[in-house]
Amino acid sequence: MTQITISELPQILQTLINQAKKTGEPLTITENGIPLAIISPIKKKSLLQTLSTLEPLDEEFADVDAGLLPLDDIEF
């Protein structure tokens, strides 16, 4: 899929895309009254929605305290 930045588009199209982004409503482009393309803002997921789709970790974590002195044995 080809990707371009919004700054590469003509100003009128930038304005219409920003309006679609602000309202959340898709923008339909027509040719002779026939729909040709739809520009629809991508709805961002919340962090909670993103985290809820992650698979649980089944791996063991390394013991990062291994080999260190107990905190009670450290003198300042």
PDB file of N, CA and C in Angstrom:
ATOM      1  N   MET A   1       0.845  -1.170   0.000  1.00  0.00           N
ATOM      2  CA  MET A   1       0.000   0.000   0.000  1.00  0.00           C
ATOM      3  C   MET A   1       0.894   1.239   0.000  1.00  0.00           C
ATOM      4  N   THR A   2       0.560   2.178  -0.828  1.00  0.00           N
ATOM      5  CA  THR A   2       1.306   3.431  -0.918  1.00  0.00           C
ATOM      6  C   THR A   2       0.934   4.336   0.247  1.00  0.00           C
ATOM      7  N   GLN A   3       1.922   4.974   0.831  1.00  0.00           N
ATOM      8  CA  GLN A   3       1.690   5.927   1.913  1.00  0.00           C
ATOM      9  C   GLN A   3       2.312   7.262   1.557  1.00  0.00           C
ATOM     10  N   ILE A   4       1.587   8.347   1.876  1.00  0.00           N
ATOM     11  CA  ILE A   4       2.124   9.690   1.709  1.00  0.00           C
ATOM     12  C   ILE A   4       1.783  10.486   2.957  1.00  0.00           C
ATOM     13  N   THR A   5       2.473  11.582   3.154  1.00  0.00           N
ATOM     14  CA  THR A   5       2.166  12.437   4.294  1.00  0.00           C
ATOM     15  C   THR A   5       1.054  13.403   3.916  1.00  0.00           C
ATOM     16  N   ILE A   6       0.345  13.883   4.918  1.00  0.00           N
ATOM     17  CA  ILE A   6      -0.758  14.819   4.656  1.00  0.00           C
ATOM     18  C   ILE A   6      -0.246  16.109   4.018  1.00  0.00           C
ATOM     19  N   SER A   7       1.000  16.479   4.312  1.00  0.00           N
ATOM     20  CA  SER A   7       1.547  17.718   3.738  1.00  0.00           C
ATOM     21  C   SER A   7       1.763  17.606   2.231  1.00  0.00           C
ATOM     22  N   GLU A   8       1.770  16.386   1.685  1.00  0.00           N
ATOM     23  CA  GLU A   8       1.938  16.200   0.246  1.00  0.00           C
ATOM     24  C   GLU A   8       0.619  16.383  -0.520  1.00  0.00           C
ATOM     25  N   LEU A   9      -0.486  16.533   0.202  1.00  0.00           N
ATOM     26  CA  LEU A   9      -1.794  16.677  -0.424  1.00  0.00           C
ATOM     27  C   LEU A   9      -2.127  18.151  -0.643  1.00  0.00           C
ATOM     28  N   PRO A  10      -3.014  18.442  -1.609  1.00  0.00           N
ATOM     29  CA  PRO A  10      -3.465  19.823  -1.786  1.00  0.00           C
ATOM     30  C   PRO A  10      -4.166  20.333  -0.519  1.00  0.00           C
ATOM     31  N   GLN A  11      -4.112  21.623  -0.283  1.00  0.00           N
ATOM     32  CA  GLN A  11      -4.636  22.225   0.941  1.00  0.00           C
ATOM     33  C   GLN A  11      -6.103  21.881   1.189  1.00  0.00           C
ATOM     34  N   ILE A  12      -6.937  21.869   0.152  1.00  0.00           N
ATOM     35  CA  ILE A  12      -8.365  21.583   0.335  1.00  0.00           C
ATOM     36  C   ILE A  12      -8.559  20.166   0.870  1.00  0.00           C
ATOM     37  N   LEU A  13      -7.758  19.235   0.372  1.00  0.00           N
ATOM     38  CA  LEU A  13      -7.856  17.854   0.855  1.00  0.00           C
ATOM     39  C   LEU A  13      -7.347  17.738   2.284  1.00  0.00           C
ATOM     40  N   GLN A  14      -6.299  18.467   2.617  1.00  0.00           N
ATOM     41  CA  GLN A  14      -5.806  18.491   4.000  1.00  0.00           C
ATOM     42  C   GLN A  14      -6.900  18.979   4.944  1.00  0.00           C
ATOM     43  N   THR A  15      -7.598  20.046   4.522  1.00  0.00           N
ATOM     44  CA  THR A  15      -8.672  20.607   5.342  1.00  0.00           C
ATOM     45  C   THR A  15      -9.793  19.601   5.548  1.00  0.00           C
ATOM     46  N   LEU A  16     -10.191  18.915   4.474  1.00  0.00           N
ATOM     47  CA  LEU A  16     -11.266  17.930   4.578  1.00  0.00           C
ATOM     48  C   LEU A  16     -10.871  16.737   5.456  1.00  0.00           C
ATOM     49  N   ILE A  17      -9.629  16.291   5.342  1.00  0.00           N
ATOM     50  CA  ILE A  17      -9.157  15.182   6.174  1.00  0.00           C
ATOM     51  C   ILE A  17      -9.116  15.600   7.637  1.00  0.00           C
ATOM     52  N   ASN A  18      -8.642  16.804   7.902  1.00  0.00           N
ATOM     53  CA  ASN A  18      -8.613  17.289   9.289  1.00  0.00           C
ATOM     54  C   ASN A  18     -10.022  17.410   9.857  1.00  0.00           C
ATOM     55  N   GLN A  19     -10.974  17.800   9.012  1.00  0.00           N
ATOM     56  CA  GLN A  19     -12.368  17.869   9.457  1.00  0.00           C
ATOM     57  C   GLN A  19     -12.885  16.464   9.788  1.00  0.00           C
ATOM     58  N   ALA A  20     -12.570  15.481   8.939  1.00  0.00           N
ATOM     59  CA  ALA A  20     -12.987  14.101   9.196  1.00  0.00           C
ATOM     60  C   ALA A  20     -12.353  13.579  10.482  1.00  0.00           C
ATOM     61  N   LYS A  21     -11.101  13.951  10.703  1.00  0.00           N
ATOM     62  CA  LYS A  21     -10.400  13.538  11.922  1.00  0.00           C
ATOM     63  C   LYS A  21     -11.064  14.139  13.153  1.00  0.00           C
ATOM     64  N   LYS A  22     -11.441  15.403  13.051  1.00  0.00           N
ATOM     65  CA  LYS A  22     -12.054  16.109  14.176  1.00  0.00           C
ATOM     66  C   LYS A  22     -13.448  15.556  14.496  1.00  0.00           C
ATOM     67  N   THR A  23     -14.260  15.312  13.462  1.00  0.00           N
ATOM     68  CA  THR A  23     -15.639  14.870  13.673  1.00  0.00           C
ATOM     69  C   THR A  23     -15.750  13.361  13.834  1.00  0.00           C
ATOM     70  N   GLY A  24     -14.760  12.620  13.320  1.00  0.00           N
ATOM     71  CA  GLY A  24     -14.832  11.168  13.351  1.00  0.00           C
ATOM     72  C   GLY A  24     -15.673  10.586  12.232  1.00  0.00           C
ATOM     73  N   GLU A  25     -16.218  11.447  11.379  1.00  0.00           N
ATOM     74  CA  GLU A  25     -17.066  11.002  10.272  1.00  0.00           C
ATOM     75  C   GLU A  25     -16.225  10.743   9.023  1.00  0.00           C
ATOM     76  N   PRO A  26     -16.527   9.659   8.288  1.00  0.00           N
ATOM     77  CA  PRO A  26     -15.782   9.397   7.060  1.00  0.00           C
ATOM     78  C   PRO A  26     -16.102  10.410   5.971  1.00  0.00           C
ATOM     79  N   LEU A  27     -15.196  10.567   5.045  1.00  0.00           N
ATOM     80  CA  LEU A  27     -15.333  11.478   3.916  1.00  0.00           C
ATOM     81  C   LEU A  27     -15.433  10.632   2.651  1.00  0.00           C
ATOM     82  N   THR A  28     -16.527  10.765   1.902  1.00  0.00           N
ATOM     83  CA  THR A  28     -16.710  10.008   0.662  1.00  0.00           C
ATOM     84  C   THR A  28     -16.362  10.895  -0.519  1.00  0.00           C
ATOM     85  N   ILE A  29     -15.492  10.399  -1.373  1.00  0.00           N
ATOM     86  CA  ILE A  29     -15.106  11.109  -2.592  1.00  0.00           C
ATOM     87  C   ILE A  29     -15.896  10.482  -3.741  1.00  0.00           C
ATOM     88  N   THR A  30     -16.577  11.328  -4.510  1.00  0.00           N
ATOM     89  CA  THR A  30     -17.399  10.826  -5.613  1.00  0.00           C
ATOM     90  C   THR A  30     -16.881  11.336  -6.944  1.00  0.00           C
ATOM     91  N   GLU A  31     -17.244  10.609  -7.990  1.00  0.00           N
ATOM     92  CA  GLU A  31     -16.962  11.032  -9.362  1.00  0.00           C
ATOM     93  C   GLU A  31     -18.263  10.864 -10.146  1.00  0.00           C
ATOM     94  N   ASN A  32     -18.804  11.974 -10.618  1.00  0.00           N
ATOM     95  CA  ASN A  32     -20.089  11.959 -11.312  1.00  0.00           C
ATOM     96  C   ASN A  32     -21.191  11.346 -10.445  1.00  0.00           C
ATOM     97  N   GLY A  33     -21.134  11.640  -9.153  1.00  0.00           N
ATOM     98  CA  GLY A  33     -22.153  11.156  -8.230  1.00  0.00           C
ATOM     99  C   GLY A  33     -21.970   9.724  -7.771  1.00  0.00           C
ATOM    100  N   ILE A  34     -20.935   9.051  -8.251  1.00  0.00           N
ATOM    101  CA  ILE A  34     -20.679   7.663  -7.875  1.00  0.00           C
ATOM    102  C   ILE A  34     -19.529   7.638  -6.865  1.00  0.00           C
ATOM    103  N   PRO A  35     -19.755   6.991  -5.700  1.00  0.00           N
ATOM    104  CA  PRO A  35     -18.674   6.914  -4.708  1.00  0.00           C
ATOM    105  C   PRO A  35     -17.426   6.250  -5.290  1.00  0.00           C
ATOM    106  N   LEU A  36     -16.308   6.901  -5.075  1.00  0.00           N
ATOM    107  CA  LEU A  36     -15.036   6.436  -5.622  1.00  0.00           C
ATOM    108  C   LEU A  36     -14.091   5.968  -4.521  1.00  0.00           C
ATOM    109  N   ALA A  37     -14.082   6.694  -3.418  1.00  0.00           N
ATOM    110  CA  ALA A  37     -13.180   6.358  -2.316  1.00  0.00           C
ATOM    111  C   ALA A  37     -13.765   6.906  -1.018  1.00  0.00           C
ATOM    112  N   ILE A  38     -13.360   6.291   0.071  1.00  0.00           N
ATOM    113  CA  ILE A  38     -13.764   6.761   1.399  1.00  0.00           C
ATOM    114  C   ILE A  38     -12.497   7.018   2.209  1.00  0.00           C
ATOM    115  N   ILE A  39     -12.439   8.176   2.816  1.00  0.00           N
ATOM    116  CA  ILE A  39     -11.365   8.500   3.753  1.00  0.00           C
ATOM    117  C   ILE A  39     -11.998   8.478   5.136  1.00  0.00           C
ATOM    118  N   SER A  40     -11.497   7.574   5.957  1.00  0.00           N
ATOM    119  CA  SER A  40     -12.084   7.417   7.286  1.00  0.00           C
ATOM    120  C   SER A  40     -10.985   7.527   8.333  1.00  0.00           C
ATOM    121  N   PRO A  41     -11.182   8.358   9.355  1.00  0.00           N
ATOM    122  CA  PRO A  41     -10.156   8.473  10.391  1.00  0.00           C
ATOM    123  C   PRO A  41     -10.007   7.149  11.134  1.00  0.00           C
ATOM    124  N   ILE A  42      -8.786   6.820  11.476  1.00  0.00           N
ATOM    125  CA  ILE A  42      -8.515   5.608  12.236  1.00  0.00           C
ATOM    126  C   ILE A  42      -8.742   5.915  13.704  1.00  0.00           C
ATOM    127  N   LYS A  43      -9.606   5.123  14.315  1.00  0.00           N
ATOM    128  CA  LYS A  43      -9.885   5.315  15.736  1.00  0.00           C
ATOM    129  C   LYS A  43      -8.782   4.644  16.545  1.00  0.00           C
ATOM    130  N   LYS A  44      -8.146   5.419  17.404  1.00  0.00           N
ATOM    131  CA  LYS A  44      -7.078   4.893  18.240  1.00  0.00           C
ATOM    132  C   LYS A  44      -7.691   4.106  19.391  1.00  0.00           C
ATOM    133  N   LYS A  45      -7.065   2.979  19.712  1.00  0.00           N
ATOM    134  CA  LYS A  45      -7.496   2.194  20.856  1.00  0.00           C
ATOM    135  C   LYS A  45      -6.899   2.801  22.123  1.00  0.00           C
ATOM    136  N   SER A  46      -7.623   2.661  23.202  1.00  0.00           N
ATOM    137  CA  SER A  46      -7.070   3.103  24.479  1.00  0.00           C
ATOM    138  C   SER A  46      -5.986   2.114  24.895  1.00  0.00           C
ATOM    139  N   LEU A  47      -5.150   2.497  25.825  1.00  0.00           N
ATOM    140  CA  LEU A  47      -4.095   1.616  26.328  1.00  0.00           C
ATOM    141  C   LEU A  47      -4.710   0.353  26.911  1.00  0.00           C
ATOM    142  N   LEU A  48      -5.813   0.492  27.630  1.00  0.00           N
ATOM    143  CA  LEU A  48      -6.475  -0.664  28.235  1.00  0.00           C
ATOM    144  C   LEU A  48      -6.980  -1.624  27.157  1.00  0.00           C
ATOM    145  N   GLN A  49      -7.561  -1.091  26.068  1.00  0.00           N
ATOM    146  CA  GLN A  49      -8.016  -1.946  24.972  1.00  0.00           C
ATOM    147  C   GLN A  49      -6.839  -2.675  24.325  1.00  0.00           C
ATOM    148  N   THR A  50      -5.735  -1.974  24.136  1.00  0.00           N
ATOM    149  CA  THR A  50      -4.559  -2.592  23.539  1.00  0.00           C
ATOM    150  C   THR A  50      -4.003  -3.684  24.439  1.00  0.00           C
ATOM    151  N   LEU A  51      -3.876  -3.401  25.736  1.00  0.00           N
ATOM    152  CA  LEU A  51      -3.341  -4.389  26.666  1.00  0.00           C
ATOM    153  C   LEU A  51      -4.237  -5.618  26.776  1.00  0.00           C
ATOM    154  N   SER A  52      -5.549  -5.419  26.645  1.00  0.00           N
ATOM    155  CA  SER A  52      -6.473  -6.551  26.787  1.00  0.00           C
ATOM    156  C   SER A  52      -6.357  -7.524  25.613  1.00  0.00           C
ATOM    157  N   THR A  53      -5.745  -7.128  24.510  1.00  0.00           N
ATOM    158  CA  THR A  53      -5.599  -8.019  23.362  1.00  0.00           C
ATOM    159  C   THR A  53      -4.291  -8.797  23.391  1.00  0.00           C
ATOM    160  N   LEU A  54      -3.401  -8.486  24.319  1.00  0.00           N
ATOM    161  CA  LEU A  54      -2.102  -9.160  24.388  1.00  0.00           C
ATOM    162  C   LEU A  54      -2.242 -10.540  25.025  1.00  0.00           C
ATOM    163  N   GLU A  55      -1.444 -11.474  24.531  1.00  0.00           N
ATOM    164  CA  GLU A  55      -1.414 -12.819  25.096  1.00  0.00           C
ATOM    165  C   GLU A  55      -0.640 -12.798  26.416  1.00  0.00           C
ATOM    166  N   PRO A  56      -1.041 -13.643  27.376  1.00  0.00           N
ATOM    167  CA  PRO A  56      -0.289 -13.689  28.636  1.00  0.00           C
ATOM    168  C   PRO A  56       1.123 -14.237  28.413  1.00  0.00           C
ATOM    169  N   LEU A  57       2.060 -13.785  29.229  1.00  0.00           N
ATOM    170  CA  LEU A  57       3.440 -14.267  29.147  1.00  0.00           C
ATOM    171  C   LEU A  57       3.553 -15.566  29.919  1.00  0.00           C
ATOM    172  N   ASP A  58       4.118 -16.584  29.292  1.00  0.00           N
ATOM    173  CA  ASP A  58       4.279 -17.883  29.945  1.00  0.00           C
ATOM    174  C   ASP A  58       5.727 -18.164  30.302  1.00  0.00           C
ATOM    175  N   GLU A  59       6.585 -17.179  30.207  1.00  0.00           N
ATOM    176  CA  GLU A  59       8.002 -17.402  30.475  1.00  0.00           C
ATOM    177  C   GLU A  59       8.357 -16.986  31.899  1.00  0.00           C
ATOM    178  N   GLU A  60       9.391 -17.609  32.408  1.00  0.00           N
ATOM    179  CA  GLU A  60       9.892 -17.264  33.729  1.00  0.00           C
ATOM    180  C   GLU A  60      10.859 -16.084  33.598  1.00  0.00           C
ATOM    181  N   PHE A  61      10.826 -15.194  34.556  1.00  0.00           N
ATOM    182  CA  PHE A  61      11.738 -14.064  34.560  1.00  0.00           C
ATOM    183  C   PHE A  61      12.970 -14.396  35.396  1.00  0.00           C
ATOM    184  N   ALA A  62      14.104 -13.886  34.977  1.00  0.00           N
ATOM    185  CA  ALA A  62      15.348 -14.125  35.703  1.00  0.00           C
ATOM    186  C   ALA A  62      15.280 -13.484  37.078  1.00  0.00           C
ATOM    187  N   ASP A  63      15.966 -14.092  38.037  1.00  0.00           N
ATOM    188  CA  ASP A  63      16.039 -13.546  39.393  1.00  0.00           C
ATOM    189  C   ASP A  63      17.101 -12.443  39.392  1.00  0.00           C
ATOM    190  N   VAL A  64      16.653 -11.205  39.322  1.00  0.00           N
ATOM    191  CA  VAL A  64      17.593 -10.086  39.212  1.00  0.00           C
ATOM    192  C   VAL A  64      18.328  -9.808  40.521  1.00  0.00           C
ATOM    193  N   ASP A  65      17.855 -10.378  41.623  1.00  0.00           N
ATOM    194  CA  ASP A  65      18.512 -10.186  42.913  1.00  0.00           C
ATOM    195  C   ASP A  65      19.519 -11.290  43.223  1.00  0.00           C
ATOM    196  N   ALA A  66      19.646 -12.282  42.378  1.00  0.00           N
ATOM    197  CA  ALA A  66      20.556 -13.397  42.635  1.00  0.00           C
ATOM    198  C   ALA A  66      21.984 -12.890  42.786  1.00  0.00           C
ATOM    199  N   GLY A  67      22.638 -13.322  43.852  1.00  0.00           N
ATOM    200  CA  GLY A  67      24.032 -12.954  44.074  1.00  0.00           C
ATOM    201  C   GLY A  67      24.227 -11.621  44.786  1.00  0.00           C
ATOM    202  N   LEU A  68      23.163 -10.899  45.083  1.00  0.00           N
ATOM    203  CA  LEU A  68      23.293  -9.621  45.780  1.00  0.00           C
ATOM    204  C   LEU A  68      23.191  -9.829  47.288  1.00  0.00           C
ATOM    205  N   LEU A  69      23.807  -8.935  48.018  1.00  0.00           N
ATOM    206  CA  LEU A  69      23.701  -8.993  49.479  1.00  0.00           C
ATOM    207  C   LEU A  69      22.284  -8.628  49.910  1.00  0.00           C
ATOM    208  N   PRO A  70      21.805  -9.235  50.977  1.00  0.00           N
ATOM    209  CA  PRO A  70      20.512  -8.816  51.522  1.00  0.00           C
ATOM    210  C   PRO A  70      20.596  -7.355  51.944  1.00  0.00           C
ATOM    211  N   LEU A  71      19.548  -6.612  51.836  1.00  0.00           N
ATOM    212  CA  LEU A  71      19.551  -5.189  52.176  1.00  0.00           C
ATOM    213  C   LEU A  71      19.933  -4.942  53.621  1.00  0.00           C
ATOM    214  N   ASP A  72      19.637  -5.908  54.494  1.00  0.00           N
ATOM    215  CA  ASP A  72      19.983  -5.753  55.909  1.00  0.00           C
ATOM    216  C   ASP A  72      21.498  -5.757  56.137  1.00  0.00           C
ATOM    217  N   ASP A  73      22.268  -6.362  55.223  1.00  0.00           N
ATOM    218  CA  ASP A  73      23.729  -6.480  55.387  1.00  0.00           C
ATOM    219  C   ASP A  73      24.487  -5.292  54.795  1.00  0.00           C
ATOM    220  N   ILE A  74      23.801  -4.335  54.224  1.00  0.00           N
ATOM    221  CA  ILE A  74      24.468  -3.207  53.592  1.00  0.00           C
ATOM    222  C   ILE A  74      24.528  -2.046  54.589  1.00  0.00           C
ATOM    223  N   GLU A  75      25.759  -1.507  54.767  1.00  0.00           N
ATOM    224  CA  GLU A  75      25.955  -0.370  55.664  1.00  0.00           C
ATOM    225  C   GLU A  75      26.247   0.871  54.845  1.00  0.00           C
ATOM    226  N   PHE A  76      25.659   1.975  55.226  1.00  0.00           N
ATOM    227  CA  PHE A  76      25.891   3.246  54.540  1.00  0.00           C
ATOM    228  C   PHE A  76      26.772   4.138  55.364  1.00  0.00           C
TER     229      PHE A  76
END
